[in-house]
PDB file of N, CA and C in Angstrom:
ATOM      1  N   MET A   1       5.710   7.063   5.706  1.00  0.00           N
ATOM      2  CA  MET A   1       6.164   6.300   6.868  1.00  0.00           C
ATOM      3  C   MET A   1       7.409   6.959   7.450  1.00  0.00           C
ATOM      4  N   THR A   2       7.555   6.767   8.710  1.00  0.00           N
ATOM      5  CA  THR A   2       8.727   7.328   9.380  1.00  0.00           C
ATOM      6  C   THR A   2       9.919   6.405   9.229  1.00  0.00           C
ATOM      7  N   GLN A   3      11.099   6.959   9.332  1.00  0.00           N
ATOM      8  CA  GLN A   3      12.304   6.147   9.262  1.00  0.00           C
ATOM      9  C   GLN A   3      12.694   5.722  10.661  1.00  0.00           C
ATOM     10  N   HIS A   4      13.048   4.466  10.804  1.00  0.00           N
ATOM     11  CA  HIS A   4      13.420   3.932  12.109  1.00  0.00           C
ATOM     12  C   HIS A   4      14.872   3.467  12.085  1.00  0.00           C
ATOM     13  N   ILE A   5      15.502   3.617  13.212  1.00  0.00           N
ATOM     14  CA  ILE A   5      16.876   3.159  13.357  1.00  0.00           C
ATOM     15  C   ILE A   5      16.898   1.691  13.764  1.00  0.00           C
ATOM     16  N   LEU A   6      15.991   1.309  14.640  1.00  0.00           N
ATOM     17  CA  LEU A   6      15.963  -0.062  15.153  1.00  0.00           C
ATOM     18  C   LEU A   6      15.229  -0.995  14.185  1.00  0.00           C
ATOM     19  N   PRO A   7      15.814  -2.144  13.867  1.00  0.00           N
ATOM     20  CA  PRO A   7      15.138  -3.118  12.988  1.00  0.00           C
ATOM     21  C   PRO A   7      13.808  -3.588  13.565  1.00  0.00           C
ATOM     22  N   GLN A   8      13.726  -3.630  14.895  1.00  0.00           N
ATOM     23  CA  GLN A   8      12.492  -4.082  15.553  1.00  0.00           C
ATOM     24  C   GLN A   8      11.329  -3.141  15.215  1.00  0.00           C
ATOM     25  N   ASP A   9      11.609  -1.842  15.192  1.00  0.00           N
ATOM     26  CA  ASP A   9      10.568  -0.869  14.852  1.00  0.00           C
ATOM     27  C   ASP A   9      10.092  -1.067  13.412  1.00  0.00           C
ATOM     28  N   THR A  10      11.035  -1.331  12.523  1.00  0.00           N
ATOM     29  CA  THR A  10      10.677  -1.565  11.124  1.00  0.00           C
ATOM     30  C   THR A  10       9.814  -2.812  11.001  1.00  0.00           C
ATOM     31  N   LEU A  11      10.147  -3.859  11.726  1.00  0.00           N
ATOM     32  CA  LEU A  11       9.367  -5.091  11.707  1.00  0.00           C
ATOM     33  C   LEU A  11       7.952  -4.843  12.223  1.00  0.00           C
ATOM     34  N   GLU A  12       7.830  -4.064  13.288  1.00  0.00           N
ATOM     35  CA  GLU A  12       6.511  -3.747  13.832  1.00  0.00           C
ATOM     36  C   GLU A  12       5.690  -2.955  12.822  1.00  0.00           C
ATOM     37  N   ASP A  13       6.344  -2.034  12.119  1.00  0.00           N
ATOM     38  CA  ASP A  13       5.650  -1.255  11.091  1.00  0.00           C
ATOM     39  C   ASP A  13       5.125  -2.170   9.988  1.00  0.00           C
ATOM     40  N   GLN A  14       5.957  -3.130   9.571  1.00  0.00           N
ATOM     41  CA  GLN A  14       5.535  -4.042   8.514  1.00  0.00           C
ATOM     42  C   GLN A  14       4.356  -4.895   8.965  1.00  0.00           C
ATOM     43  N   GLN A  15       4.386  -5.351  10.210  1.00  0.00           N
ATOM     44  CA  GLN A  15       3.276  -6.152  10.730  1.00  0.00           C
ATOM     45  C   GLN A  15       2.003  -5.313  10.800  1.00  0.00           C
ATOM     46  N   THR A  16       2.135  -4.060  11.227  1.00  0.00           N
ATOM     47  CA  THR A  16       0.974  -3.166  11.306  1.00  0.00           C
ATOM     48  C   THR A  16       0.391  -2.931   9.919  1.00  0.00           C
ATOM     49  N   MET A  17       1.251  -2.686   8.939  1.00  0.00           N
ATOM     50  CA  MET A  17       0.771  -2.450   7.581  1.00  0.00           C
ATOM     51  C   MET A  17       0.110  -3.707   7.007  1.00  0.00           C
ATOM     52  N   ARG A  18       0.652  -4.887   7.339  1.00  0.00           N
ATOM     53  CA  ARG A  18       0.050  -6.140   6.876  1.00  0.00           C
ATOM     54  C   ARG A  18      -1.335  -6.316   7.481  1.00  0.00           C
ATOM     55  N   ARG A  19      -1.443  -6.019   8.790  1.00  0.00           N
ATOM     56  CA  ARG A  19      -2.743  -6.117   9.459  1.00  0.00           C
ATOM     57  C   ARG A  19      -3.746  -5.171   8.815  1.00  0.00           C
ATOM     58  N   LEU A  20      -3.306  -3.955   8.553  1.00  0.00           N
ATOM     59  CA  LEU A  20      -4.185  -2.958   7.933  1.00  0.00           C
ATOM     60  C   LEU A  20      -4.626  -3.419   6.544  1.00  0.00           C
ATOM     61  N   ALA A  21      -3.703  -3.953   5.762  1.00  0.00           N
ATOM     62  CA  ALA A  21      -4.027  -4.447   4.425  1.00  0.00           C
ATOM     63  C   ALA A  21      -5.012  -5.610   4.500  1.00  0.00           C
ATOM     64  N   THR A  22      -4.866  -6.466   5.504  1.00  0.00           N
ATOM     65  CA  THR A  22      -5.786  -7.588   5.680  1.00  0.00           C
ATOM     66  C   THR A  22      -7.192  -7.091   5.998  1.00  0.00           C
ATOM     67  N   VAL A  23      -7.290  -6.125   6.889  1.00  0.00           N
ATOM     68  CA  VAL A  23      -8.602  -5.565   7.245  1.00  0.00           C
ATOM     69  C   VAL A  23      -9.253  -4.918   6.034  1.00  0.00           C
ATOM     70  N   ILE A  24      -8.482  -4.145   5.276  1.00  0.00           N
ATOM     71  CA  ILE A  24      -9.026  -3.487   4.083  1.00  0.00           C
ATOM     72  C   ILE A  24      -9.450  -4.530   3.045  1.00  0.00           C
ATOM     73  N   GLY A  25      -8.643  -5.564   2.874  1.00  0.00           N
ATOM     74  CA  GLY A  25      -8.989  -6.628   1.935  1.00  0.00           C
ATOM     75  C   GLY A  25     -10.282  -7.335   2.313  1.00  0.00           C
ATOM     76  N   CYS A  26     -10.441  -7.617   3.599  1.00  0.00           N
ATOM     77  CA  CYS A  26     -11.677  -8.261   4.079  1.00  0.00           C
ATOM     78  C   CYS A  26     -12.883  -7.353   3.859  1.00  0.00           C
ATOM     79  N   PHE A  27     -12.695  -6.064   4.102  1.00  0.00           N
ATOM     80  CA  PHE A  27     -13.783  -5.104   3.909  1.00  0.00           C
ATOM     81  C   PHE A  27     -14.208  -5.072   2.438  1.00  0.00           C
ATOM     82  N   ILE A  28     -13.235  -5.048   1.534  1.00  0.00           N
ATOM     83  CA  ILE A  28     -13.537  -5.024   0.100  1.00  0.00           C
ATOM     84  C   ILE A  28     -14.247  -6.317  -0.313  1.00  0.00           C
ATOM     85  N   ALA A  29     -13.774  -7.445   0.194  1.00  0.00           N
ATOM     86  CA  ALA A  29     -14.398  -8.728  -0.143  1.00  0.00           C
ATOM     87  C   ALA A  29     -15.837  -8.782   0.378  1.00  0.00           C
ATOM     88  N   ALA A  30     -16.056  -8.298   1.592  1.00  0.00           N
ATOM     89  CA  ALA A  30     -17.405  -8.298   2.163  1.00  0.00           C
ATOM     90  C   ALA A  30     -18.329  -7.382   1.364  1.00  0.00           C
ATOM     91  N   THR A  31     -17.819  -6.234   0.943  1.00  0.00           N
ATOM     92  CA  THR A  31     -18.618  -5.299   0.146  1.00  0.00           C
ATOM     93  C   THR A  31     -18.990  -5.925  -1.194  1.00  0.00           C
ATOM     94  N   ALA A  32     -18.031  -6.592  -1.828  1.00  0.00           N
ATOM     95  CA  ALA A  32     -18.297  -7.240  -3.116  1.00  0.00           C
ATOM     96  C   ALA A  32     -19.325  -8.357  -2.956  1.00  0.00           C
ATOM     97  N   ALA A  33     -19.210  -9.129  -1.896  1.00  0.00           N
ATOM     98  CA  ALA A  33     -20.162 -10.214  -1.652  1.00  0.00           C
ATOM     99  C   ALA A  33     -21.561  -9.657  -1.408  1.00  0.00           C
ATOM    100  N   MET A  34     -21.652  -8.577  -0.657  1.00  0.00           N
ATOM    101  CA  MET A  34     -22.952  -7.961  -0.393  1.00  0.00           C
ATOM    102  C   MET A  34     -23.574  -7.436  -1.685  1.00  0.00           C
ATOM    103  N   ALA A  35     -22.760  -6.808  -2.533  1.00  0.00           N
ATOM    104  CA  ALA A  35     -23.259  -6.319  -3.817  1.00  0.00           C
ATOM    105  C   ALA A  35     -23.761  -7.466  -4.692  1.00  0.00           C
ATOM    106  N   LEU A  36     -23.046  -8.564  -4.665  1.00  0.00           N
ATOM    107  CA  LEU A  36     -23.455  -9.732  -5.446  1.00  0.00           C
ATOM    108  C   LEU A  36     -24.775 -10.296  -4.938  1.00  0.00           C
ATOM    109  N   VAL A  37     -24.924 -10.386  -3.622  1.00  0.00           N
ATOM    110  CA  VAL A  37     -26.175 -10.892  -3.044  1.00  0.00           C
ATOM    111  C   VAL A  37     -27.332  -9.973  -3.393  1.00  0.00           C
ATOM    112  N   ILE A  38     -27.126  -8.670  -3.300  1.00  0.00           N
ATOM    113  CA  ILE A  38     -28.192  -7.713  -3.634  1.00  0.00           C
ATOM    114  C   ILE A  38     -28.568  -7.845  -5.116  1.00  0.00           C
ATOM    115  N   THR A  39     -27.566  -8.011  -5.969  1.00  0.00           N
ATOM    116  CA  THR A  39     -27.830  -8.188  -7.407  1.00  0.00           C
ATOM    117  C   THR A  39     -28.671  -9.423  -7.662  1.00  0.00           C
ATOM    118  N   VAL A  40     -28.346 -10.518  -6.984  1.00  0.00           N
ATOM    119  CA  VAL A  40     -29.099 -11.772  -7.173  1.00  0.00           C
ATOM    120  C   VAL A  40     -30.526 -11.622  -6.643  1.00  0.00           C
ATOM    121  N   VAL A  41     -30.661 -11.000  -5.470  1.00  0.00           N
ATOM    122  CA  VAL A  41     -31.993 -10.845  -4.871  1.00  0.00           C
ATOM    123  C   VAL A  41     -32.865  -9.931  -5.705  1.00  0.00           C
ATOM    124  N   MET A  42     -32.308  -8.816  -6.176  1.00  0.00           N
ATOM    125  CA  MET A  42     -33.079  -7.858  -6.958  1.00  0.00           C
ATOM    126  C   MET A  42     -33.321  -8.365  -8.390  1.00  0.00           C
ATOM    127  N   GLY A  43     -32.433  -9.257  -8.836  1.00  0.00           N
ATOM    128  CA  GLY A  43     -32.367  -9.733 -10.199  1.00  0.00           C
ATOM    129  C   GLY A  43     -33.660 -10.186 -10.791  1.00  0.00           C
TER     130      GLY A  43
END
């Protein structure tokens, strides 16, 4: 990450990273749910 002088820039970076983490978390959860459904269907 880049270093920022303005606190506002740092806050924006934190919000962006939180958004990115949320998207990645949702993707992982959706993948796990899909794997579980496939396991049950194929089971």
